[in-house]
Protein backbone atom coordinates (compact mmCIF):
# COMPACT_ATOMS: atom_id res chain seq x y z
CA MET A 1 24.81 99.56 0.90
CA ALA A 2 26.35 96.04 -0.06
CA PHE A 3 29.41 94.38 -1.90
CA THR A 4 29.38 90.78 -0.86
CA VAL A 5 31.52 89.37 -3.84
CA GLU A 6 35.53 88.77 -3.87
CA PRO A 7 36.81 90.63 -6.87
CA ASP A 8 39.79 87.83 -7.28
CA GLN A 9 37.04 85.29 -8.73
CA TYR A 10 36.64 87.14 -11.86
CA ARG A 11 40.35 87.43 -12.63
CA PHE A 12 40.48 84.86 -16.38
CA ASN A 13 43.47 83.82 -18.22
CA ASP A 14 44.53 85.78 -21.28
CA ALA A 15 42.64 83.18 -23.50
CA VAL A 16 39.16 83.82 -22.44
CA ALA A 17 40.03 87.69 -21.37
CA ALA A 18 40.25 88.47 -25.11
CA GLY A 19 36.72 89.04 -25.57
CA VAL A 20 36.48 92.11 -23.39
CA ARG A 21 40.26 93.59 -23.33
CA GLY A 22 40.30 96.90 -24.35
CA LYS A 23 36.82 97.15 -24.93
CA ARG A 24 33.98 100.17 -24.04
CA VAL A 25 31.62 98.00 -22.22
CA LEU A 26 28.16 98.48 -21.31
CA ILE A 27 25.84 96.38 -19.11
CA THR A 28 22.73 96.66 -18.46
CA GLY A 29 20.85 95.83 -14.82
CA ALA A 30 24.27 95.93 -13.35
CA GLY A 31 23.63 97.29 -10.54
CA LYS A 32 22.43 94.71 -8.42
CA ASP A 33 24.74 92.76 -5.96
CA GLY A 34 25.13 88.77 -6.48
CA GLY A 35 23.78 89.61 -9.84
CA MET A 36 24.49 88.49 -13.22
CA GLY A 37 25.05 92.05 -14.32
CA GLN A 38 27.53 92.59 -11.99
CA ALA A 39 29.17 89.89 -12.39
CA PHE A 40 29.57 90.74 -16.68
CA ALA A 41 31.03 94.18 -15.30
CA LEU A 42 33.48 92.77 -12.61
CA ALA A 43 34.74 90.30 -15.18
CA ALA A 44 34.90 93.04 -18.24
CA GLY A 45 36.70 95.40 -15.63
CA LEU A 46 39.04 93.17 -14.26
CA ASN A 47 40.71 91.46 -17.89
CA GLY A 48 41.18 94.93 -19.34
CA ALA A 49 37.94 96.42 -20.85
CA GLU A 50 38.94 100.12 -21.55
CA SER A 51 35.75 101.36 -19.69
CA VAL A 52 32.32 99.96 -18.21
CA ALA A 53 29.11 101.56 -18.08
CA VAL A 54 27.02 100.03 -14.71
CA HIS A 55 23.91 100.58 -15.47
CA PHE A 56 21.07 100.55 -12.86
CA HIS A 57 17.61 101.64 -12.18
CA ARG A 58 16.72 101.52 -8.40
CA SER A 59 19.58 99.57 -7.29
CA TYR A 60 21.96 102.57 -6.99
CA GLU A 61 23.87 101.88 -4.05
CA ASP A 62 24.26 98.66 -5.01
CA GLY A 63 25.52 100.27 -8.29
CA PHE A 64 27.63 103.00 -6.69
CA ASP A 65 29.48 100.24 -4.70
CA LEU A 66 30.30 98.34 -8.00
CA VAL A 67 31.27 101.39 -9.98
CA ASN A 68 33.84 102.14 -6.61
CA LYS A 69 35.11 98.40 -6.40
CA LEU A 70 36.08 98.92 -10.07
CA ARG A 71 37.80 101.89 -9.88
CA GLU A 72 39.54 100.82 -7.06
CA THR A 73 41.38 99.05 -9.24
CA GLY A 74 42.13 101.53 -12.11
CA VAL A 75 38.96 100.52 -14.07
CA ASN A 76 37.53 103.46 -15.69
CA ALA A 77 33.64 102.62 -14.44
CA PHE A 78 30.91 105.36 -14.21
CA PRO A 79 27.30 104.67 -13.09
CA LEU A 80 24.56 105.23 -15.41
CA GLN A 81 20.66 105.39 -13.73
CA ALA A 82 18.18 105.26 -16.42
CA ASP A 83 14.93 103.25 -16.61
CA VAL A 84 14.90 101.04 -19.86
CA THR A 85 11.41 101.32 -20.31
CA ASN A 86 11.30 105.32 -20.53
CA MET A 87 12.67 106.02 -24.03
CA ARG A 88 13.16 109.64 -23.11
CA ASP A 89 15.53 108.63 -19.76
CA LEU A 90 16.88 106.54 -21.91
CA TRP A 91 17.79 108.94 -24.92
CA ALA A 92 18.95 111.32 -22.39
CA SER A 93 21.94 108.76 -20.96
CA ARG A 94 22.89 108.44 -24.59
CA SER A 95 25.67 111.69 -24.72
CA TYR A 96 26.86 111.19 -20.80
CA VAL A 97 28.17 107.71 -22.25
CA ILE A 98 29.26 108.93 -24.82
CA GLU A 99 31.59 111.62 -22.92
CA GLN A 100 32.43 109.43 -20.17
CA MET A 101 33.40 106.67 -22.51
CA GLY A 102 36.42 109.97 -24.09
CA LYS A 103 34.04 111.08 -26.58
CA LYS A 104 33.56 107.54 -28.38
CA THR A 105 30.62 105.26 -28.23
CA PRO A 106 30.41 101.85 -26.57
CA ASN A 107 31.31 99.06 -28.44
CA LEU A 108 30.29 95.66 -26.36
CA ILE A 109 26.38 96.36 -25.14
CA ILE A 110 25.48 93.99 -23.00
CA CYS A 111 21.99 93.50 -22.35
CA ASN A 112 21.45 92.18 -19.06
CA SER A 113 18.39 93.77 -17.43
CA GLY A 114 15.23 91.36 -16.93
CA LEU A 115 13.04 90.87 -13.85
CA SER A 116 11.21 87.25 -13.23
CA GLU A 117 7.72 86.61 -11.93
CA LYS A 118 7.67 85.34 -8.30
CA GLY A 119 4.93 83.20 -9.46
CA TYR A 120 1.21 82.25 -10.29
CA SER A 121 -0.43 79.10 -11.92
CA PHE A 122 -0.74 80.68 -15.40
CA GLY A 123 -4.48 79.97 -16.90
CA ARG A 124 -5.38 77.82 -13.60
CA ALA A 125 -8.31 79.11 -11.61
CA LEU A 126 -7.44 79.94 -7.87
CA ARG A 127 -8.06 77.09 -5.57
CA GLU A 128 -10.92 77.38 -3.71
CA VAL A 129 -11.08 78.81 0.27
CA GLU A 130 -13.22 76.51 2.47
CA ASP A 131 -16.74 79.04 3.28
CA GLU A 132 -15.68 81.74 1.72
CA PRO A 133 -18.58 83.21 -0.25
CA LYS A 134 -18.59 83.78 -3.69
CA ALA A 135 -18.37 87.53 -3.77
CA VAL A 136 -15.24 87.20 -1.67
CA ARG A 137 -13.96 84.85 -4.18
CA ARG A 138 -14.53 86.81 -6.91
CA ALA A 139 -13.01 89.69 -5.42
CA ARG A 140 -9.82 87.72 -4.51
CA VAL A 141 -9.78 85.93 -7.97
CA ARG A 142 -10.18 89.49 -9.54
CA GLN A 143 -7.29 90.96 -7.89
CA HIS A 144 -5.25 87.74 -8.17
CA PHE A 145 -5.65 88.09 -11.70
CA ILE A 146 -5.01 91.79 -12.16
CA ASP A 147 -1.52 91.30 -9.92
CA SER A 148 -0.01 88.48 -12.06
CA LEU A 149 -0.77 90.46 -14.66
CA GLU A 150 1.10 93.57 -13.96
CA GLU A 151 3.81 91.40 -12.09
CA SER A 152 4.32 89.81 -15.43
CA ARG A 153 4.02 93.32 -18.16
CA ASP A 154 7.21 94.56 -15.76
CA VAL A 155 8.91 91.56 -16.72
CA LEU A 156 7.94 91.98 -20.80
CA GLY A 157 8.46 95.62 -20.61
CA THR A 158 12.20 95.51 -19.36
CA LYS A 159 13.16 92.57 -21.30
CA ILE A 160 11.37 93.55 -23.97
CA ASP A 161 11.05 96.66 -24.60
CA GLY A 162 14.85 97.71 -22.66
CA PHE A 163 16.37 95.57 -25.10
CA MET A 164 14.57 97.00 -28.15
CA ALA A 165 15.55 100.33 -27.09
CA MET A 166 18.77 99.91 -25.87
CA THR A 167 19.91 97.83 -29.42
CA HIS A 168 17.75 100.90 -31.57
CA LEU A 169 20.14 103.79 -29.84
CA TRP A 170 23.39 102.28 -29.70
CA ALA A 171 23.28 100.07 -33.38
CA GLY A 172 22.13 103.91 -34.62
CA GLU A 173 25.17 105.30 -33.09
CA ALA A 174 27.38 102.56 -34.04
CA VAL A 175 26.31 102.90 -37.84
CA TYR A 176 26.47 106.80 -37.77
CA HIS A 177 30.02 107.07 -36.11
CA ASN A 178 30.94 104.00 -38.54
CA ASP A 179 31.94 101.97 -35.29
CA PRO A 180 31.54 98.75 -35.40
CA LEU A 181 29.21 97.29 -32.29
CA GLN A 182 28.51 94.08 -30.52
CA ILE A 183 25.23 93.49 -28.69
CA VAL A 184 24.43 90.59 -27.06
CA TYR A 185 21.44 89.82 -25.37
CA ILE A 186 21.24 87.56 -22.06
CA SER A 187 18.46 85.13 -21.93
CA SER A 188 17.27 81.82 -20.21
CA ARG A 189 16.60 78.34 -21.38
CA GLN A 190 13.39 78.39 -19.92
CA ALA A 191 12.99 80.08 -23.64
CA VAL A 192 12.85 76.97 -25.05
CA ASP A 193 11.98 74.62 -22.24
CA PRO A 194 9.51 76.81 -20.21
CA GLY A 195 9.15 76.32 -16.31
CA VAL A 196 6.20 77.04 -14.91
CA SER A 197 4.75 79.65 -12.94
CA VAL A 198 6.79 82.21 -14.18
CA PRO A 199 5.20 83.17 -17.88
CA GLY A 200 5.86 86.60 -18.23
CA TYR A 201 9.73 85.95 -17.86
CA VAL A 202 9.83 82.98 -20.50
CA ILE A 203 8.23 85.11 -23.42
CA ALA A 204 10.57 87.97 -22.63
CA ASN A 205 13.25 85.55 -22.97
CA TRP A 206 12.05 83.95 -26.04
CA ALA A 207 10.96 87.11 -27.51
CA VAL A 208 14.80 88.46 -27.39
CA LEU A 209 15.96 85.42 -29.46
CA LYS A 210 14.67 86.75 -32.17
CA LEU A 211 16.39 90.75 -31.94
CA PRO A 212 19.78 89.47 -33.87
CA GLU A 213 18.04 88.70 -37.06
CA VAL A 214 15.37 91.58 -37.12
CA LEU A 215 18.41 94.43 -36.44
CA ARG A 216 20.51 92.57 -39.17
CA VAL A 217 17.71 92.29 -41.63
CA ASN A 218 16.83 96.27 -40.42
CA LEU A 219 20.46 97.39 -40.73
CA GLY A 220 20.72 96.18 -44.37
CA LYS A 221 23.81 97.12 -46.16
CA ASN A 222 24.84 98.31 -42.51
CA ALA A 223 24.62 95.28 -41.05
CA ASN A 224 28.44 94.24 -40.94
CA LEU A 225 28.88 97.38 -38.66
CA VAL A 226 26.70 95.18 -35.92
CA SER A 227 26.96 92.11 -34.74
CA ALA A 228 24.83 90.16 -32.22
CA PHE A 229 23.79 86.98 -30.63
CA SER A 230 21.90 85.48 -27.44
CA VAL A 231 22.86 83.63 -24.46
CA LEU A 232 20.72 80.94 -23.28
CA TYR A 233 21.84 80.55 -19.31
CA PRO A 234 20.21 77.93 -16.75
CA PHE A 235 20.25 78.27 -12.78
CA VAL A 236 22.76 80.76 -11.70
CA ARG A 237 23.09 80.99 -8.09
CA THR A 238 21.58 85.18 -7.76
CA GLY A 239 19.03 87.12 -5.48
CA MET A 240 16.58 86.22 -7.56
CA THR A 241 17.43 82.41 -7.74
CA ASP A 242 19.24 81.95 -4.46
CA GLU A 243 15.85 80.37 -2.14
CA TYR A 244 15.99 77.90 -4.80
CA ALA A 245 19.94 76.87 -4.47
CA ALA A 246 19.28 73.94 -2.16
CA ASN A 247 15.73 72.77 -3.92
CA PRO A 248 17.16 70.28 -6.83
CA LYS A 249 13.12 70.11 -7.59
CA VAL A 250 13.59 73.07 -9.21
CA PHE A 251 17.21 72.83 -10.89
CA GLY A 252 17.95 69.83 -11.18
CA ARG A 253 16.19 68.65 -14.49
CA TRP A 254 19.17 70.92 -16.03
CA GLN A 255 21.85 70.52 -13.93
CA PRO A 256 23.49 69.07 -10.63
CA ARG A 257 24.13 71.87 -9.15
CA MET A 258 23.23 76.24 -9.70
CA LEU A 259 26.08 77.88 -11.69
CA GLU A 260 27.98 80.84 -9.40
CA THR A 261 28.40 84.01 -10.84
CA HIS A 262 31.72 84.28 -11.34
CA GLU A 263 31.56 80.68 -13.12
CA ALA A 264 28.92 81.97 -15.34
CA ALA A 265 31.15 85.40 -16.51
CA GLN A 266 33.91 83.33 -17.10
CA ALA A 267 31.76 81.10 -19.43
CA PHE A 268 30.31 84.32 -21.18
CA LEU A 269 33.88 85.62 -21.74
CA GLN A 270 34.62 82.51 -23.07
CA MET A 271 32.05 82.43 -25.71
CA LEU A 272 32.79 86.49 -25.65
CA ALA A 273 36.29 85.75 -26.80
CA ARG A 274 35.31 83.58 -29.88
CA PRO A 275 35.50 85.48 -33.40
CA ALA A 276 32.21 88.04 -34.44
CA GLU A 277 31.70 86.36 -37.70
CA GLU A 278 31.37 82.43 -35.62
CA THR A 279 28.44 84.31 -33.44
CA ASN A 280 26.74 86.70 -35.18
CA GLY A 281 23.24 85.92 -35.44
CA GLY A 282 23.67 82.76 -33.08
CA MET A 283 21.87 81.76 -30.18
CA PHE A 284 24.13 79.68 -27.67
CA GLU A 285 23.26 77.76 -24.89
CA VAL A 286 25.17 76.77 -21.42
CA MET A 287 25.36 73.32 -20.62
CA VAL A 288 26.32 72.13 -17.02
CA ASP A 289 26.78 68.59 -16.81
CA PRO A 290 28.76 66.25 -13.84
CA ASP A 291 31.96 66.19 -14.06
CA GLN A 292 33.03 62.66 -14.04
CA ALA A 293 36.76 63.11 -13.41
CA ASN A 294 35.90 65.27 -10.27
CA GLU A 295 33.52 64.46 -7.64
CA GLY A 296 30.74 66.72 -7.26
CA GLY A 297 32.70 69.35 -9.68
CA VAL A 298 30.75 70.15 -12.76
CA ARG A 299 31.64 70.80 -16.87
CA VAL A 300 30.19 73.57 -18.64
CA THR A 301 30.14 73.29 -22.48
CA TRP A 302 28.24 75.42 -24.82
CA LYS A 303 25.96 73.95 -27.35
CA GLN A 304 24.47 76.25 -30.32
CA VAL A 305 20.44 76.57 -30.40
CA THR A 306 19.19 76.34 -33.86
CA PHE A 307 14.87 76.33 -34.59
CA ASP A 308 13.89 74.56 -37.53
CA VAL A 309 11.13 76.49 -39.46
CA ARG A 310 8.57 74.57 -41.64
CA GLU A 311 6.14 75.35 -43.36
CA GLU A 312 3.91 73.27 -44.93
CA THR A 313 0.79 73.61 -46.80
CA LEU A 314 -2.87 72.57 -45.93
CA PRO A 315 -4.23 69.55 -48.11
CA TRP A 316 -7.86 70.90 -47.34
CA SER A 317 -6.85 74.73 -47.42
CA ALA A 318 -4.91 73.99 -51.10
CA GLU A 319 -8.13 72.12 -52.68
CA GLU A 320 -10.65 74.98 -50.82
CA ALA A 321 -8.73 77.84 -51.99
CA LEU A 322 -10.32 81.15 -51.36
CA VAL A 323 -10.06 82.79 -55.32
CA TYR A 324 -10.83 86.58 -55.38
CA GLU A 325 -11.77 88.74 -58.95
CA LYS A 326 -9.87 92.22 -59.49
């Protein structure tokens, strides 16, 4: 069991804390020590959230450590173990969450769960091995293909299936109980600026950017009850990225150094503190630039991302349109 972070780093000023104060918060993928989900849970709990559901699947030891640490500070925190890709498992957690939150539904869901591939050359042949028999190469290539795609399927399932399921479950409860809900989807800058070797991660993070719009359209006249937006993070130092923290070739095109989790959490709460009508439906990107007034320091700001979707007629198709009779 482990708890290695310093909780006091997650206590912020009143203006930043406003986004979580009094909220009933559920964070998916919050169990891993040193992870983003843990940072969001600490930031919520230590800045006035009414209750905090710490969700985890396999990281139960770290997850219970986090719950205990939050409870020591007087936070109404509780563990939630569920596989977000298992719909029966997720549905079974519904009544438990409501009970733990004082017979109320969450009014802030942070969809954070996610995995990343170890990395493989997508669409490229494996390098040849000198003097390797053709039959052995075929077997090696086949196994690499299967292993790589299975890894990507896990990444896609956790992010896309998990976020879809959490949205469907808790948006439905918000509408049923007539209780406003805000949902935030944690994405990555790689969704709009893909990196190599992690195709499932890039595609999954791209897909969730569309969820706020899909949700709004499906809710129709009830859309005013549920607001949603996406956050695109650059590199943050976690268990998934720590091995690259000293390698600017990995993160250098985006930022002078990786963000620490408490820095990422403070920026997140800063955005949460904005009015829901301002953030609803938006995609917001965290920017990390050198601070010219502070040698070695960084300056964190936000940008809004907008997709410019255009439809243009193809002249050759207009001239050769296919026409069918009744």
